[in-house]
Amino acid sequence: MTAQKKAKELVDKFLKPVDTWHNYPMCFDTAKQCALIAVDEVLENSHTNVFTNYWQEVKQEIFNL
């Protein structure tokens, strides 16, 4: 999956309601911040440059959304 598609997928996941009890979506800026936090967590635990480069690209694409 391209970094651009992964960025959009992550933000979209945070925009969707969690369950039927909490059926209100997150605002777009909050969803972006949550996706960035998730990517930072992945980057903190990555151990290869290829993996790190991909997630850095995803992070940049989230900023671009």
N, C-alpha and C. Protein backbone atom coordinates (compact mmCIF):
# COMPACT_ATOMS: atom_id res chain seq x y z
N MET A 1 0.85 -1.17 0.00
CA MET A 1 0.00 0.00 0.00
C MET A 1 0.90 1.24 0.00
N THR A 2 0.52 2.22 -0.78
CA THR A 2 1.32 3.45 -0.83
C THR A 2 1.18 4.20 0.50
N ALA A 3 2.16 5.05 0.77
CA ALA A 3 2.12 5.85 1.99
C ALA A 3 0.90 6.77 1.99
N GLN A 4 0.55 7.30 0.83
CA GLN A 4 -0.61 8.19 0.73
C GLN A 4 -1.90 7.46 1.08
N LYS A 5 -2.06 6.25 0.56
CA LYS A 5 -3.26 5.47 0.85
C LYS A 5 -3.30 5.06 2.32
N LYS A 6 -2.15 4.68 2.89
CA LYS A 6 -2.09 4.28 4.29
C LYS A 6 -2.44 5.47 5.19
N ALA A 7 -1.96 6.66 4.86
CA ALA A 7 -2.28 7.86 5.63
C ALA A 7 -3.78 8.11 5.64
N LYS A 8 -4.39 8.04 4.48
CA LYS A 8 -5.84 8.26 4.38
C LYS A 8 -6.60 7.17 5.15
N GLU A 9 -6.16 5.93 5.03
CA GLU A 9 -6.80 4.83 5.73
C GLU A 9 -6.76 5.04 7.25
N LEU A 10 -5.61 5.45 7.77
CA LEU A 10 -5.48 5.66 9.21
C LEU A 10 -6.40 6.78 9.70
N VAL A 11 -6.39 7.90 9.00
CA VAL A 11 -7.25 9.02 9.40
C VAL A 11 -8.72 8.61 9.30
N ASP A 12 -9.08 7.91 8.25
CA ASP A 12 -10.47 7.46 8.08
C ASP A 12 -10.91 6.53 9.22
N LYS A 13 -10.00 5.71 9.70
CA LYS A 13 -10.34 4.81 10.81
C LYS A 13 -10.70 5.60 12.06
N PHE A 14 -10.02 6.71 12.28
CA PHE A 14 -10.34 7.52 13.45
C PHE A 14 -11.59 8.36 13.25
N LEU A 15 -11.98 8.58 12.02
CA LEU A 15 -13.19 9.35 11.74
C LEU A 15 -14.47 8.54 11.95
N LYS A 16 -14.37 7.22 11.88
CA LYS A 16 -15.55 6.37 12.02
C LYS A 16 -15.93 6.22 13.49
N PRO A 17 -17.23 6.17 13.78
CA PRO A 17 -17.65 5.92 15.16
C PRO A 17 -17.12 4.58 15.66
N VAL A 18 -16.82 4.53 16.94
CA VAL A 18 -16.23 3.33 17.54
C VAL A 18 -17.24 2.20 17.64
N ASP A 19 -18.44 2.52 18.07
CA ASP A 19 -19.48 1.50 18.22
C ASP A 19 -20.84 2.17 18.20
N THR A 20 -21.87 1.41 18.40
CA THR A 20 -23.23 1.96 18.33
C THR A 20 -23.56 2.87 19.51
N TRP A 21 -22.86 2.72 20.62
CA TRP A 21 -23.10 3.58 21.78
C TRP A 21 -22.47 4.95 21.61
N HIS A 22 -21.39 5.00 20.88
CA HIS A 22 -20.68 6.26 20.64
C HIS A 22 -20.71 6.54 19.14
N ASN A 23 -21.88 6.90 18.65
CA ASN A 23 -22.05 6.99 17.20
C ASN A 23 -21.74 8.36 16.63
N TYR A 24 -20.91 9.12 17.29
CA TYR A 24 -20.51 10.42 16.75
C TYR A 24 -19.06 10.33 16.25
N PRO A 25 -18.81 10.88 15.09
CA PRO A 25 -17.44 10.81 14.54
C PRO A 25 -16.53 11.87 15.16
N MET A 26 -15.26 11.64 15.08
CA MET A 26 -14.25 12.59 15.51
C MET A 26 -14.13 13.68 14.45
N CYS A 27 -13.72 14.87 14.85
CA CYS A 27 -13.47 15.90 13.83
C CYS A 27 -12.20 15.54 13.07
N PHE A 28 -12.07 16.07 11.88
CA PHE A 28 -10.97 15.70 10.99
C PHE A 28 -9.60 16.00 11.60
N ASP A 29 -9.45 17.20 12.21
CA ASP A 29 -8.14 17.56 12.79
C ASP A 29 -7.77 16.63 13.95
N THR A 30 -8.74 16.25 14.75
CA THR A 30 -8.48 15.32 15.85
C THR A 30 -8.11 13.94 15.30
N ALA A 31 -8.78 13.51 14.26
CA ALA A 31 -8.46 12.23 13.63
C ALA A 31 -7.04 12.23 13.09
N LYS A 32 -6.62 13.35 12.49
CA LYS A 32 -5.24 13.47 11.99
C LYS A 32 -4.25 13.37 13.15
N GLN A 33 -4.53 14.04 14.25
CA GLN A 33 -3.63 14.00 15.40
C GLN A 33 -3.52 12.58 15.96
N CYS A 34 -4.63 11.88 16.02
CA CYS A 34 -4.61 10.49 16.50
C CYS A 34 -3.80 9.59 15.56
N ALA A 35 -3.97 9.80 14.27
CA ALA A 35 -3.20 9.01 13.29
C ALA A 35 -1.71 9.30 13.43
N LEU A 36 -1.36 10.55 13.66
CA LEU A 36 0.06 10.91 13.84
C LEU A 36 0.63 10.25 15.10
N ILE A 37 -0.15 10.21 16.15
CA ILE A 37 0.30 9.54 17.38
C ILE A 37 0.52 8.06 17.12
N ALA A 38 -0.38 7.45 16.38
CA ALA A 38 -0.24 6.03 16.05
C ALA A 38 1.03 5.78 15.23
N VAL A 39 1.28 6.63 14.26
CA VAL A 39 2.48 6.48 13.43
C VAL A 39 3.74 6.68 14.28
N ASP A 40 3.72 7.66 15.17
CA ASP A 40 4.88 7.86 16.06
C ASP A 40 5.15 6.63 16.91
N GLU A 41 4.10 5.97 17.37
CA GLU A 41 4.27 4.74 18.14
C GLU A 41 4.93 3.65 17.29
N VAL A 42 4.51 3.54 16.05
CA VAL A 42 5.11 2.56 15.14
C VAL A 42 6.58 2.90 14.93
N LEU A 43 6.87 4.17 14.70
CA LEU A 43 8.25 4.59 14.44
C LEU A 43 9.15 4.34 15.65
N GLU A 44 8.64 4.53 16.85
CA GLU A 44 9.43 4.28 18.05
C GLU A 44 9.84 2.82 18.18
N ASN A 45 9.06 1.95 17.57
CA ASN A 45 9.31 0.52 17.69
C ASN A 45 9.84 -0.11 16.41
N SER A 46 10.20 0.71 15.44
CA SER A 46 10.73 0.15 14.19
C SER A 46 12.24 -0.02 14.32
N HIS A 47 12.73 -1.05 13.63
CA HIS A 47 14.14 -1.38 13.76
C HIS A 47 14.88 -1.46 12.43
N THR A 48 14.18 -1.19 11.35
CA THR A 48 14.84 -1.23 10.05
C THR A 48 14.60 0.08 9.31
N ASN A 49 15.56 0.49 8.51
CA ASN A 49 15.44 1.75 7.78
C ASN A 49 14.32 1.73 6.75
N VAL A 50 14.12 0.60 6.09
CA VAL A 50 13.05 0.52 5.10
C VAL A 50 11.70 0.74 5.78
N PHE A 51 11.50 0.09 6.89
CA PHE A 51 10.28 0.23 7.66
C PHE A 51 10.11 1.67 8.14
N THR A 52 11.17 2.25 8.67
CA THR A 52 11.14 3.63 9.16
C THR A 52 10.86 4.60 8.04
N ASN A 53 11.49 4.41 6.89
CA ASN A 53 11.27 5.32 5.76
C ASN A 53 9.81 5.31 5.32
N TYR A 54 9.21 4.13 5.26
CA TYR A 54 7.80 4.03 4.85
C TYR A 54 6.92 4.81 5.81
N TRP A 55 7.11 4.60 7.11
CA TRP A 55 6.24 5.26 8.10
C TRP A 55 6.52 6.76 8.19
N GLN A 56 7.72 7.18 7.88
CA GLN A 56 7.99 8.63 7.80
C GLN A 56 7.22 9.23 6.62
N GLU A 57 7.15 8.49 5.52
CA GLU A 57 6.36 8.94 4.37
C GLU A 57 4.88 9.01 4.73
N VAL A 58 4.39 8.00 5.45
CA VAL A 58 2.99 8.01 5.88
C VAL A 58 2.73 9.23 6.75
N LYS A 59 3.62 9.51 7.67
CA LYS A 59 3.47 10.67 8.55
C LYS A 59 3.39 11.96 7.74
N GLN A 60 4.26 12.10 6.74
CA GLN A 60 4.23 13.30 5.89
C GLN A 60 2.91 13.39 5.11
N GLU A 61 2.42 12.27 4.66
CA GLU A 61 1.15 12.28 3.93
C GLU A 61 -0.02 12.66 4.84
N ILE A 62 0.04 12.27 6.10
CA ILE A 62 -1.00 12.69 7.05
C ILE A 62 -0.98 14.21 7.19
N PHE A 63 0.22 14.79 7.32
CA PHE A 63 0.33 16.25 7.38
C PHE A 63 -0.26 16.90 6.14
N ASN A 64 -0.11 16.25 4.99
CA ASN A 64 -0.58 16.81 3.73
C ASN A 64 -2.10 16.74 3.54
N LEU A 65 -2.76 15.91 4.33
CA LEU A 65 -4.21 15.77 4.19
C LEU A 65 -4.94 17.04 4.64
